[in-house]
Amino acid sequence: MFPIEQPNEVGLNTCRLMKTAWLIRSTLAGASVILFCSCEDMQQQLQKPLAAVMPTPTPMPGWWDDSGAHGESRIVVHLGDQRAYFYKGKRLVGESTVSTGKKGFSTPPGHYSIVSKDKNHFSSEFGDYVDSAGNVMVSNIDVRKDRQPKGAHFDPAKMPYCMHFNGGYAMHQGYVPPFAASHGCIRLPEGMAEKFYNNAPVGTSMAVKE
């Protein structure tokens, strides 16, 4: 003979089963929330290091398209915009970022012309003082102002695709930050310097404007 459960015992067991079922559902729901939140947090955490290692796009230094262009070459440099424009006849065929003279070494505005060209030019005034082993002792010097240390010699700065237009002032390839930083010359970025050089014969008109 099996013992017969009394009504109050049946109700008590039923209540316990309902509580157990509710606890299971609550636990599963909570686990789901934690899982989804964890996935979202993980995605956000993954995005941070990915954003850190992904390279930031850099703006193009300029453009060039002289297909079908005719006429005399002409260069216009705008100091305020730090931009140089190349014309053939009346048509604009190229544009480039530049870096002109910084404060105290400003590039003089005016109308000039290209008087000489040297594809592999070295500066006679700017460069570094280095020791006999080739180690830089003093960088970015001006030989007219900076005293040469004992045991050092002058290592001139490279100025590829150099075009002189006003005494010691020239347009050439060099470091081009987004601001005026040179000692008076007009620096062009790699690639654009070659384009300007190859298309500007001696005598090319050049204007430097504020």
N, C-alpha and C. Protein backbone atom coordinates (compact mmCIF):
# COMPACT_ATOMS: atom_id res chain seq x y z
N MET A 1 0.84 -1.18 0.00
CA MET A 1 0.00 0.00 0.00
C MET A 1 0.89 1.25 0.00
N PHE A 2 0.55 2.20 -0.91
CA PHE A 2 1.30 3.45 -0.96
C PHE A 2 0.56 4.50 -0.18
N PRO A 3 1.27 5.36 0.51
CA PRO A 3 0.58 6.39 1.28
C PRO A 3 -0.12 7.37 0.37
N ILE A 4 -1.31 7.77 0.73
CA ILE A 4 -2.10 8.70 -0.10
C ILE A 4 -1.78 10.12 0.38
N GLU A 5 -1.34 11.00 -0.68
CA GLU A 5 -0.99 12.38 -0.32
C GLU A 5 -2.25 13.15 0.01
N GLN A 6 -2.17 13.89 1.04
CA GLN A 6 -3.27 14.74 1.44
C GLN A 6 -3.32 15.98 0.55
N PRO A 7 -4.48 16.60 0.37
CA PRO A 7 -4.63 17.76 -0.50
C PRO A 7 -3.63 18.86 -0.20
N ASN A 8 -3.37 19.13 1.06
CA ASN A 8 -2.43 20.21 1.37
C ASN A 8 -1.01 19.87 0.94
N GLU A 9 -0.64 18.60 0.96
CA GLU A 9 0.69 18.17 0.50
C GLU A 9 0.79 18.31 -1.01
N VAL A 10 -0.31 17.96 -1.73
CA VAL A 10 -0.31 18.09 -3.20
C VAL A 10 -0.13 19.56 -3.60
N GLY A 11 -0.85 20.43 -2.92
CA GLY A 11 -0.73 21.86 -3.23
C GLY A 11 0.65 22.39 -2.93
N LEU A 12 1.24 21.90 -1.85
CA LEU A 12 2.59 22.34 -1.47
C LEU A 12 3.61 21.92 -2.50
N ASN A 13 3.51 20.64 -2.97
CA ASN A 13 4.45 20.16 -4.00
C ASN A 13 4.28 20.91 -5.30
N THR A 14 3.02 21.19 -5.67
CA THR A 14 2.76 21.94 -6.91
C THR A 14 3.39 23.33 -6.82
N CYS A 15 3.26 23.97 -5.70
CA CYS A 15 3.87 25.30 -5.50
C CYS A 15 5.37 25.25 -5.62
N ARG A 16 5.98 24.17 -5.04
CA ARG A 16 7.44 24.03 -5.14
C ARG A 16 7.88 23.86 -6.59
N LEU A 17 7.10 23.05 -7.35
CA LEU A 17 7.44 22.85 -8.77
C LEU A 17 7.36 24.15 -9.55
N MET A 18 6.34 24.97 -9.31
CA MET A 18 6.18 26.25 -10.00
C MET A 18 7.32 27.19 -9.67
N LYS A 19 7.70 27.20 -8.38
CA LYS A 19 8.83 28.06 -7.98
C LYS A 19 10.12 27.63 -8.66
N THR A 20 10.29 26.29 -8.73
CA THR A 20 11.51 25.76 -9.36
C THR A 20 11.54 26.14 -10.84
N ALA A 21 10.39 25.99 -11.54
CA ALA A 21 10.31 26.34 -12.96
C ALA A 21 10.59 27.83 -13.18
N TRP A 22 10.04 28.68 -12.28
CA TRP A 22 10.26 30.12 -12.40
C TRP A 22 11.73 30.48 -12.20
N LEU A 23 12.38 29.81 -11.26
CA LEU A 23 13.80 30.05 -11.02
C LEU A 23 14.64 29.66 -12.22
N ILE A 24 14.26 28.51 -12.86
CA ILE A 24 15.01 28.05 -14.04
C ILE A 24 14.87 29.05 -15.17
N ARG A 25 13.63 29.53 -15.42
CA ARG A 25 13.40 30.50 -16.49
C ARG A 25 14.16 31.80 -16.21
N SER A 26 14.11 32.26 -14.97
CA SER A 26 14.81 33.50 -14.61
C SER A 26 16.31 33.37 -14.81
N THR A 27 16.85 32.19 -14.43
CA THR A 27 18.29 31.95 -14.58
C THR A 27 18.69 31.96 -16.04
N LEU A 28 17.86 31.30 -16.90
CA LEU A 28 18.16 31.26 -18.34
C LEU A 28 18.08 32.65 -18.95
N ALA A 29 17.06 33.41 -18.56
CA ALA A 29 16.91 34.77 -19.09
C ALA A 29 18.09 35.64 -18.69
N GLY A 30 18.51 35.52 -17.43
CA GLY A 30 19.66 36.30 -16.96
C GLY A 30 20.93 35.93 -17.69
N ALA A 31 21.09 34.62 -17.92
CA ALA A 31 22.28 34.15 -18.64
C ALA A 31 22.30 34.70 -20.05
N SER A 32 21.12 34.77 -20.69
CA SER A 32 21.05 35.30 -22.06
C SER A 32 21.44 36.77 -22.10
N VAL A 33 20.93 37.53 -21.13
CA VAL A 33 21.28 38.95 -21.07
C VAL A 33 22.77 39.14 -20.89
N ILE A 34 23.34 38.36 -19.97
CA ILE A 34 24.79 38.45 -19.72
C ILE A 34 25.58 38.09 -20.96
N LEU A 35 25.10 37.04 -21.67
CA LEU A 35 25.80 36.59 -22.88
C LEU A 35 25.79 37.66 -23.93
N PHE A 36 24.59 38.27 -24.19
CA PHE A 36 24.50 39.29 -25.23
C PHE A 36 25.29 40.53 -24.85
N CYS A 37 25.21 40.91 -23.57
CA CYS A 37 25.99 42.07 -23.12
C CYS A 37 27.48 41.81 -23.25
N SER A 38 27.88 40.58 -22.91
CA SER A 38 29.29 40.23 -23.00
C SER A 38 29.76 40.30 -24.44
N CYS A 39 28.91 39.82 -25.38
CA CYS A 39 29.27 39.86 -26.80
C CYS A 39 29.42 41.30 -27.27
N GLU A 40 28.49 42.16 -26.83
CA GLU A 40 28.56 43.56 -27.22
C GLU A 40 29.81 44.22 -26.65
N ASP A 41 30.08 43.93 -25.36
CA ASP A 41 31.29 44.48 -24.74
C ASP A 41 32.54 43.98 -25.43
N MET A 42 32.53 42.68 -25.77
CA MET A 42 33.70 42.11 -26.46
C MET A 42 33.90 42.78 -27.81
N GLN A 43 32.78 43.04 -28.52
CA GLN A 43 32.91 43.69 -29.82
C GLN A 43 33.49 45.09 -29.68
N GLN A 44 32.99 45.82 -28.64
CA GLN A 44 33.52 47.15 -28.41
C GLN A 44 34.99 47.12 -28.04
N GLN A 45 35.36 46.14 -27.21
CA GLN A 45 36.76 46.02 -26.81
C GLN A 45 37.65 45.66 -27.99
N LEU A 46 37.10 44.85 -28.91
CA LEU A 46 37.88 44.48 -30.10
C LEU A 46 38.03 45.65 -31.04
N GLN A 47 36.99 46.51 -31.12
CA GLN A 47 37.04 47.63 -32.03
C GLN A 47 38.12 48.63 -31.64
N LYS A 48 38.35 48.79 -30.32
CA LYS A 48 39.34 49.77 -29.86
C LYS A 48 40.75 49.45 -30.36
N PRO A 49 41.27 48.22 -30.11
CA PRO A 49 42.61 47.95 -30.63
C PRO A 49 42.66 47.93 -32.14
N LEU A 50 41.56 47.52 -32.81
CA LEU A 50 41.56 47.52 -34.27
C LEU A 50 41.66 48.93 -34.79
N ALA A 51 40.93 49.87 -34.15
CA ALA A 51 41.00 51.26 -34.57
C ALA A 51 42.40 51.82 -34.37
N ALA A 52 43.08 51.31 -33.33
CA ALA A 52 44.42 51.81 -33.03
C ALA A 52 45.44 51.36 -34.08
N VAL A 53 45.27 50.13 -34.61
CA VAL A 53 46.26 49.61 -35.55
C VAL A 53 45.92 49.92 -36.99
N MET A 54 44.64 50.24 -37.29
CA MET A 54 44.28 50.57 -38.66
C MET A 54 44.89 51.90 -39.04
N PRO A 55 45.54 52.02 -40.20
CA PRO A 55 46.17 53.27 -40.59
C PRO A 55 45.15 54.35 -40.88
N THR A 56 45.46 55.59 -40.49
CA THR A 56 44.60 56.72 -40.79
C THR A 56 44.87 57.19 -42.21
N PRO A 57 43.82 57.33 -43.03
CA PRO A 57 44.04 57.76 -44.42
C PRO A 57 44.71 59.12 -44.45
N THR A 58 45.71 59.27 -45.31
CA THR A 58 46.41 60.54 -45.45
C THR A 58 45.99 61.19 -46.76
N PRO A 59 45.82 62.50 -46.76
CA PRO A 59 45.39 63.17 -47.98
C PRO A 59 46.46 63.10 -49.06
N MET A 60 46.02 63.06 -50.31
CA MET A 60 46.95 63.04 -51.42
C MET A 60 47.71 64.36 -51.47
N PRO A 61 49.02 64.32 -51.81
CA PRO A 61 49.80 65.56 -51.84
C PRO A 61 49.40 66.46 -52.99
N GLY A 62 48.72 65.92 -53.99
CA GLY A 62 48.34 66.73 -55.13
C GLY A 62 47.87 65.86 -56.29
N TRP A 63 47.79 66.48 -57.46
CA TRP A 63 47.37 65.74 -58.65
C TRP A 63 48.04 66.34 -59.87
N TRP A 64 48.05 65.54 -60.94
CA TRP A 64 48.67 65.99 -62.20
C TRP A 64 47.95 65.36 -63.38
N ASP A 65 47.57 66.19 -64.37
CA ASP A 65 46.96 65.71 -65.60
C ASP A 65 47.18 66.75 -66.69
N ASP A 66 48.22 66.51 -67.48
CA ASP A 66 48.53 67.46 -68.56
C ASP A 66 48.25 66.88 -69.95
N SER A 67 47.44 65.84 -70.00
CA SER A 67 47.12 65.22 -71.30
C SER A 67 46.43 66.23 -72.20
N GLY A 68 47.01 66.43 -73.38
CA GLY A 68 46.44 67.35 -74.36
C GLY A 68 46.65 68.81 -74.08
N ALA A 69 47.41 69.13 -73.01
CA ALA A 69 47.62 70.53 -72.65
C ALA A 69 48.74 71.14 -73.49
N HIS A 70 48.58 72.41 -73.85
CA HIS A 70 49.58 73.13 -74.65
C HIS A 70 49.80 74.52 -74.05
N GLY A 71 50.88 75.14 -74.46
CA GLY A 71 51.18 76.50 -74.02
C GLY A 71 52.35 76.54 -73.06
N GLU A 72 52.77 77.76 -72.74
CA GLU A 72 53.93 77.97 -71.87
C GLU A 72 53.61 77.54 -70.43
N SER A 73 54.63 77.00 -69.79
CA SER A 73 54.48 76.58 -68.39
C SER A 73 54.50 77.79 -67.47
N ARG A 74 53.78 77.69 -66.36
CA ARG A 74 53.71 78.78 -65.39
C ARG A 74 53.39 78.18 -64.02
N ILE A 75 54.10 78.65 -62.98
CA ILE A 75 53.89 78.16 -61.62
C ILE A 75 53.40 79.30 -60.74
N VAL A 76 52.36 79.02 -59.94
CA VAL A 76 51.85 79.99 -58.98
C VAL A 76 51.83 79.33 -57.61
N VAL A 77 52.44 80.01 -56.63
CA VAL A 77 52.49 79.49 -55.25
C VAL A 77 51.71 80.44 -54.35
N HIS A 78 50.78 79.87 -53.57
CA HIS A 78 50.00 80.66 -52.60
C HIS A 78 50.51 80.35 -51.19
N LEU A 79 51.12 81.33 -50.56
CA LEU A 79 51.71 81.13 -49.24
C LEU A 79 50.64 80.83 -48.18
N GLY A 80 49.52 81.54 -48.24
CA GLY A 80 48.47 81.34 -47.25
C GLY A 80 47.87 79.95 -47.28
N ASP A 81 47.71 79.40 -48.49
CA ASP A 81 47.11 78.07 -48.64
C ASP A 81 48.15 76.95 -48.61
N GLN A 82 49.43 77.34 -48.72
CA GLN A 82 50.51 76.34 -48.82
C GLN A 82 50.22 75.37 -49.96
N ARG A 83 49.93 75.96 -51.13
CA ARG A 83 49.64 75.19 -52.33
C ARG A 83 50.40 75.78 -53.50
N ALA A 84 50.76 74.91 -54.45
CA ALA A 84 51.40 75.34 -55.69
C ALA A 84 50.58 74.85 -56.86
N TYR A 85 50.45 75.68 -57.88
CA TYR A 85 49.63 75.36 -59.06
C TYR A 85 50.48 75.45 -60.31
N PHE A 86 50.34 74.47 -61.19
CA PHE A 86 51.13 74.44 -62.42
C PHE A 86 50.17 74.59 -63.61
N TYR A 87 50.48 75.56 -64.46
CA TYR A 87 49.65 75.82 -65.64
C TYR A 87 50.44 75.55 -66.92
N LYS A 88 49.74 75.11 -67.94
CA LYS A 88 50.27 75.07 -69.29
C LYS A 88 49.31 75.87 -70.15
N GLY A 89 49.77 77.04 -70.59
CA GLY A 89 48.87 77.97 -71.22
C GLY A 89 47.89 78.48 -70.16
N LYS A 90 46.60 78.42 -70.45
CA LYS A 90 45.59 78.84 -69.48
C LYS A 90 45.02 77.67 -68.67
N ARG A 91 45.51 76.48 -68.94
CA ARG A 91 44.94 75.30 -68.30
C ARG A 91 45.74 74.89 -67.06
N LEU A 92 45.04 74.66 -65.95
CA LEU A 92 45.66 74.14 -64.73
C LEU A 92 45.87 72.64 -64.92
N VAL A 93 47.12 72.20 -64.87
CA VAL A 93 47.42 70.78 -65.11
C VAL A 93 47.93 70.06 -63.87
N GLY A 94 48.26 70.80 -62.82
CA GLY A 94 48.77 70.16 -61.61
C GLY A 94 48.63 71.04 -60.39
N GLU A 95 48.49 70.39 -59.26
CA GLU A 95 48.37 71.10 -57.99
C GLU A 95 49.06 70.27 -56.90
N SER A 96 49.72 70.95 -55.98
CA SER A 96 50.45 70.22 -54.94
C SER A 96 50.48 71.00 -53.63
N THR A 97 50.56 70.26 -52.52
CA THR A 97 50.86 70.89 -51.24
C THR A 97 52.33 71.32 -51.25
N VAL A 98 52.65 72.35 -50.50
CA VAL A 98 54.03 72.81 -50.36
C VAL A 98 54.28 73.21 -48.91
N SER A 99 55.53 73.40 -48.59
CA SER A 99 55.90 73.98 -47.30
C SER A 99 56.90 75.08 -47.59
N THR A 100 56.52 76.31 -47.28
CA THR A 100 57.35 77.47 -47.58
C THR A 100 58.09 77.94 -46.32
N GLY A 101 58.68 79.12 -46.38
CA GLY A 101 59.50 79.60 -45.28
C GLY A 101 58.74 79.86 -43.99
N LYS A 102 59.31 79.36 -42.89
CA LYS A 102 58.71 79.57 -41.57
C LYS A 102 59.00 80.99 -41.09
N LYS A 103 58.45 81.34 -39.91
CA LYS A 103 58.64 82.66 -39.35
C LYS A 103 60.12 82.96 -39.17
N GLY A 104 60.52 84.11 -39.67
CA GLY A 104 61.93 84.51 -39.62
C GLY A 104 62.69 84.10 -40.86
N PHE A 105 62.09 83.21 -41.68
CA PHE A 105 62.73 82.76 -42.92
C PHE A 105 61.71 82.77 -44.06
N SER A 106 60.78 83.69 -44.02
CA SER A 106 59.65 83.67 -44.95
C SER A 106 60.08 83.73 -46.41
N THR A 107 59.31 83.05 -47.24
CA THR A 107 59.54 83.07 -48.69
C THR A 107 59.00 84.39 -49.23
N PRO A 108 59.82 85.18 -49.92
CA PRO A 108 59.38 86.52 -50.36
C PRO A 108 58.38 86.44 -51.52
N PRO A 109 57.22 87.11 -51.37
CA PRO A 109 56.28 87.18 -52.49
C PRO A 109 56.90 87.98 -53.65
N GLY A 110 56.43 87.70 -54.84
CA GLY A 110 56.94 88.41 -56.01
C GLY A 110 56.77 87.61 -57.28
N HIS A 111 57.23 88.20 -58.38
CA HIS A 111 57.17 87.54 -59.69
C HIS A 111 58.60 87.21 -60.12
N TYR A 112 58.85 85.96 -60.41
CA TYR A 112 60.19 85.49 -60.72
C TYR A 112 60.15 84.58 -61.95
N SER A 113 61.28 83.96 -62.22
CA SER A 113 61.37 82.93 -63.25
C SER A 113 62.44 81.93 -62.83
N ILE A 114 62.31 80.71 -63.34
CA ILE A 114 63.31 79.67 -63.03
C ILE A 114 64.62 80.04 -63.73
N VAL A 115 65.69 80.21 -62.93
CA VAL A 115 66.96 80.65 -63.50
C VAL A 115 67.95 79.49 -63.65
N SER A 116 67.80 78.41 -62.86
CA SER A 116 68.70 77.26 -62.98
C SER A 116 68.02 76.03 -62.41
N LYS A 117 68.48 74.86 -62.87
CA LYS A 117 67.89 73.60 -62.42
C LYS A 117 69.00 72.60 -62.12
N ASP A 118 68.80 71.78 -61.07
CA ASP A 118 69.76 70.74 -60.71
C ASP A 118 68.99 69.59 -60.09
N LYS A 119 68.93 68.47 -60.80
CA LYS A 119 68.15 67.31 -60.35
C LYS A 119 68.70 66.72 -59.05
N ASN A 120 70.00 66.77 -58.85
CA ASN A 120 70.64 66.17 -57.66
C ASN A 120 71.38 67.23 -56.85
N HIS A 121 70.69 68.25 -56.48
CA HIS A 121 71.30 69.39 -55.80
C HIS A 121 71.51 69.12 -54.31
N PHE A 122 72.59 69.70 -53.78
CA PHE A 122 72.88 69.68 -52.34
C PHE A 122 73.01 71.12 -51.86
N SER A 123 72.47 71.39 -50.68
CA SER A 123 72.52 72.74 -50.15
C SER A 123 73.94 73.13 -49.76
N SER A 124 74.26 74.40 -49.97
CA SER A 124 75.57 74.91 -49.55
C SER A 124 75.48 75.59 -48.19
N GLU A 125 74.27 75.67 -47.63
CA GLU A 125 74.07 76.39 -46.37
C GLU A 125 73.44 75.54 -45.27
N PHE A 126 72.54 74.62 -45.62
CA PHE A 126 71.79 73.87 -44.62
C PHE A 126 72.13 72.38 -44.65
N GLY A 127 72.07 71.78 -43.47
CA GLY A 127 72.37 70.35 -43.36
C GLY A 127 72.62 69.97 -41.91
N ASP A 128 73.60 69.09 -41.69
CA ASP A 128 73.94 68.63 -40.33
C ASP A 128 75.46 68.71 -40.13
N TYR A 129 75.85 68.78 -38.87
CA TYR A 129 77.25 68.60 -38.51
C TYR A 129 77.39 67.15 -38.02
N VAL A 130 78.29 66.40 -38.65
CA VAL A 130 78.47 64.99 -38.30
C VAL A 130 79.92 64.72 -37.95
N ASP A 131 80.16 63.64 -37.18
CA ASP A 131 81.53 63.28 -36.82
C ASP A 131 82.12 62.38 -37.89
N SER A 132 83.34 61.90 -37.66
CA SER A 132 84.04 61.09 -38.66
C SER A 132 83.37 59.75 -38.91
N ALA A 133 82.56 59.28 -37.95
CA ALA A 133 81.86 58.01 -38.11
C ALA A 133 80.50 58.19 -38.78
N GLY A 134 80.14 59.43 -39.06
CA GLY A 134 78.85 59.69 -39.71
C GLY A 134 77.70 59.95 -38.76
N ASN A 135 78.01 60.04 -37.45
CA ASN A 135 76.96 60.32 -36.46
C ASN A 135 76.65 61.81 -36.43
N VAL A 136 75.36 62.15 -36.39
CA VAL A 136 74.95 63.55 -36.39
C VAL A 136 75.24 64.15 -35.02
N MET A 137 76.03 65.21 -35.01
CA MET A 137 76.34 65.92 -33.77
C MET A 137 75.37 67.09 -33.56
N VAL A 138 75.08 67.81 -34.63
CA VAL A 138 74.10 68.91 -34.59
C VAL A 138 73.30 68.83 -35.89
N SER A 139 71.97 68.76 -35.76
CA SER A 139 71.13 68.61 -36.95
C SER A 139 70.49 69.93 -37.36
N ASN A 140 70.11 69.98 -38.63
CA ASN A 140 69.36 71.10 -39.19
C ASN A 140 70.05 72.44 -38.93
N ILE A 141 71.28 72.53 -39.33
CA ILE A 141 72.06 73.74 -39.04
C ILE A 141 72.13 74.66 -40.27
N ASP A 142 72.51 75.88 -39.99
CA ASP A 142 72.78 76.89 -41.01
C ASP A 142 74.25 77.26 -40.84
N VAL A 143 75.08 76.95 -41.83
CA VAL A 143 76.52 77.17 -41.69
C VAL A 143 76.88 78.64 -41.50
N ARG A 144 75.98 79.52 -41.88
CA ARG A 144 76.25 80.95 -41.73
C ARG A 144 76.07 81.42 -40.29
N LYS A 145 75.35 80.61 -39.49
CA LYS A 145 75.04 81.03 -38.12
C LYS A 145 75.51 80.04 -37.05
N ASP A 146 75.48 78.75 -37.36
CA ASP A 146 75.77 77.73 -36.36
C ASP A 146 77.24 77.33 -36.38
N ARG A 147 77.87 77.43 -35.22
CA ARG A 147 79.30 77.12 -35.11
C ARG A 147 79.54 75.62 -35.26
N GLN A 148 80.57 75.29 -35.98
CA GLN A 148 80.90 73.88 -36.24
C GLN A 148 81.67 73.29 -35.05
N PRO A 149 81.17 72.21 -34.44
CA PRO A 149 81.86 71.59 -33.30
C PRO A 149 83.22 71.01 -33.71
N LYS A 150 84.12 70.90 -32.76
CA LYS A 150 85.43 70.32 -33.04
C LYS A 150 85.29 68.86 -33.46
N GLY A 151 85.96 68.49 -34.52
CA GLY A 151 85.93 67.13 -35.01
C GLY A 151 84.74 66.82 -35.92
N ALA A 152 83.92 67.84 -36.19
CA ALA A 152 82.74 67.63 -37.04
C ALA A 152 82.98 68.19 -38.44
N HIS A 153 82.20 67.70 -39.40
CA HIS A 153 82.23 68.28 -40.73
C HIS A 153 80.79 68.50 -41.21
N PHE A 154 80.64 69.35 -42.19
CA PHE A 154 79.32 69.72 -42.70
C PHE A 154 78.81 68.67 -43.67
N ASP A 155 77.59 68.18 -43.41
CA ASP A 155 76.93 67.22 -44.31
C ASP A 155 75.72 67.95 -44.92
N PRO A 156 75.80 68.36 -46.17
CA PRO A 156 74.75 69.19 -46.76
C PRO A 156 73.42 68.45 -46.94
N ALA A 157 72.35 69.19 -46.84
CA ALA A 157 71.02 68.62 -47.03
C ALA A 157 70.77 68.36 -48.52
N LYS A 158 70.11 67.24 -48.80
CA LYS A 158 69.76 66.91 -50.18
C LYS A 158 68.54 67.72 -50.60
N MET A 159 68.59 68.24 -51.82
CA MET A 159 67.48 69.02 -52.38
C MET A 159 67.21 68.56 -53.80
N PRO A 160 66.65 67.35 -53.96
CA PRO A 160 66.42 66.81 -55.31
C PRO A 160 65.44 67.68 -56.10
N TYR A 161 65.57 67.63 -57.41
CA TYR A 161 64.68 68.36 -58.33
C TYR A 161 64.62 69.84 -57.98
N CYS A 162 65.80 70.42 -57.81
CA CYS A 162 65.93 71.81 -57.37
C CYS A 162 65.81 72.78 -58.54
N MET A 163 65.00 73.84 -58.34
CA MET A 163 64.83 74.89 -59.34
C MET A 163 64.97 76.24 -58.64
N HIS A 164 66.07 76.94 -58.87
CA HIS A 164 66.29 78.25 -58.26
C HIS A 164 65.51 79.32 -59.02
N PHE A 165 64.89 80.23 -58.24
CA PHE A 165 64.08 81.28 -58.87
C PHE A 165 64.40 82.67 -58.35
N ASN A 166 65.14 82.78 -57.24
CA ASN A 166 65.44 84.10 -56.66
C ASN A 166 66.66 83.97 -55.78
N GLY A 167 67.85 84.15 -56.35
CA GLY A 167 69.07 84.01 -55.59
C GLY A 167 69.19 82.62 -54.98
N GLY A 168 69.23 82.54 -53.64
CA GLY A 168 69.35 81.24 -52.98
C GLY A 168 68.01 80.55 -52.77
N TYR A 169 66.93 81.19 -53.13
CA TYR A 169 65.60 80.57 -52.98
C TYR A 169 65.34 79.60 -54.12
N ALA A 170 64.75 78.47 -53.75
CA ALA A 170 64.51 77.45 -54.76
C ALA A 170 63.26 76.65 -54.43
N MET A 171 62.73 75.99 -55.43
CA MET A 171 61.66 75.01 -55.25
C MET A 171 62.31 73.65 -55.43
N HIS A 172 62.07 72.72 -54.45
CA HIS A 172 62.72 71.42 -54.52
C HIS A 172 61.95 70.39 -53.70
N GLN A 173 62.30 69.14 -53.84
CA GLN A 173 61.68 68.06 -53.05
C GLN A 173 62.19 68.12 -51.62
N GLY A 174 61.29 67.87 -50.68
CA GLY A 174 61.70 67.87 -49.27
C GLY A 174 60.55 67.49 -48.36
N TYR A 175 60.80 67.66 -47.07
CA TYR A 175 59.79 67.35 -46.05
C TYR A 175 58.68 68.39 -46.11
N VAL A 176 57.43 67.92 -46.24
CA VAL A 176 56.29 68.84 -46.40
C VAL A 176 55.25 68.58 -45.31
N PRO A 177 55.39 69.23 -44.15
CA PRO A 177 54.33 69.16 -43.14
C PRO A 177 53.19 70.09 -43.58
N PRO A 178 52.04 70.04 -42.91
CA PRO A 178 50.92 70.91 -43.31
C PRO A 178 51.04 72.34 -42.79
N PHE A 179 52.25 72.88 -42.86
CA PHE A 179 52.47 74.26 -42.43
C PHE A 179 53.83 74.72 -42.97
N ALA A 180 54.07 76.02 -42.92
CA ALA A 180 55.34 76.57 -43.38
C ALA A 180 56.46 76.14 -42.44
N ALA A 181 57.53 75.54 -42.97
CA ALA A 181 58.57 74.98 -42.10
C ALA A 181 59.98 75.10 -42.67
N SER A 182 60.13 75.66 -43.85
CA SER A 182 61.45 75.69 -44.48
C SER A 182 62.24 76.94 -44.07
N HIS A 183 63.46 77.05 -44.61
CA HIS A 183 64.29 78.22 -44.37
C HIS A 183 64.11 79.25 -45.48
N GLY A 184 63.01 79.15 -46.22
CA GLY A 184 62.73 80.11 -47.29
C GLY A 184 62.44 79.46 -48.62
N CYS A 185 62.95 78.25 -48.81
CA CYS A 185 62.68 77.53 -50.05
C CYS A 185 61.24 77.02 -50.07
N ILE A 186 60.80 76.59 -51.24
CA ILE A 186 59.46 76.02 -51.41
C ILE A 186 59.63 74.52 -51.60
N ARG A 187 59.23 73.77 -50.59
CA ARG A 187 59.37 72.31 -50.65
C ARG A 187 58.16 71.66 -51.29
N LEU A 188 58.43 70.70 -52.13
CA LEU A 188 57.39 69.89 -52.76
C LEU A 188 57.53 68.44 -52.29
N PRO A 189 56.42 67.71 -52.18
CA PRO A 189 56.52 66.30 -51.76
C PRO A 189 57.06 65.43 -52.88
N GLU A 190 57.55 64.26 -52.49
CA GLU A 190 58.08 63.30 -53.46
C GLU A 190 57.01 62.96 -54.48
N GLY A 191 57.41 62.88 -55.74
CA GLY A 191 56.46 62.59 -56.81
C GLY A 191 56.02 63.87 -57.49
N MET A 192 55.50 64.82 -56.71
CA MET A 192 55.08 66.08 -57.29
C MET A 192 56.28 66.95 -57.66
N ALA A 193 57.36 66.87 -56.90
CA ALA A 193 58.56 67.63 -57.22
C ALA A 193 59.10 67.24 -58.60
N GLU A 194 59.06 65.96 -58.89
CA GLU A 194 59.55 65.48 -60.19
C GLU A 194 58.66 65.99 -61.32
N LYS A 195 57.35 65.99 -61.10
CA LYS A 195 56.42 66.49 -62.13
C LYS A 195 56.68 67.96 -62.44
N PHE A 196 56.80 68.77 -61.39
CA PHE A 196 57.05 70.20 -61.59
C PHE A 196 58.40 70.41 -62.29
N TYR A 197 59.41 69.65 -61.84
CA TYR A 197 60.76 69.80 -62.40
C TYR A 197 60.79 69.46 -63.89
N ASN A 198 60.20 68.34 -64.23
CA ASN A 198 60.27 67.88 -65.62
C ASN A 198 59.47 68.73 -66.60
N ASN A 199 58.55 69.53 -66.08
CA ASN A 199 57.69 70.32 -66.96
C ASN A 199 57.95 71.82 -66.88
N ALA A 200 58.99 72.21 -66.16
CA ALA A 200 59.32 73.64 -66.03
C ALA A 200 60.73 73.89 -66.54
N PRO A 201 60.88 74.26 -67.79
CA PRO A 201 62.22 74.57 -68.31
C PRO A 201 62.74 75.87 -67.71
N VAL A 202 64.04 76.09 -67.82
CA VAL A 202 64.63 77.35 -67.37
C VAL A 202 63.92 78.49 -68.09
N GLY A 203 63.56 79.51 -67.34
CA GLY A 203 62.82 80.64 -67.90
C GLY A 203 61.33 80.59 -67.57
N THR A 204 60.87 79.49 -66.99
CA THR A 204 59.46 79.36 -66.62
C THR A 204 59.07 80.46 -65.63
N SER A 205 57.93 81.11 -65.90
CA SER A 205 57.43 82.17 -65.03
C SER A 205 56.96 81.57 -63.71
N MET A 206 57.24 82.27 -62.61
CA MET A 206 56.86 81.80 -61.29
C MET A 206 56.41 82.97 -60.43
N ALA A 207 55.21 82.84 -59.87
CA ALA A 207 54.67 83.88 -59.01
C ALA A 207 54.47 83.34 -57.61
N VAL A 208 54.90 84.09 -56.60
CA VAL A 208 54.70 83.73 -55.21
C VAL A 208 53.76 84.78 -54.61
N LYS A 209 52.58 84.33 -54.18
CA LYS A 209 51.56 85.24 -53.68
C LYS A 209 51.25 84.97 -52.22
N GLU A 210 50.78 86.00 -51.53
CA GLU A 210 50.39 85.87 -50.12
C GLU A 210 49.18 84.94 -49.97
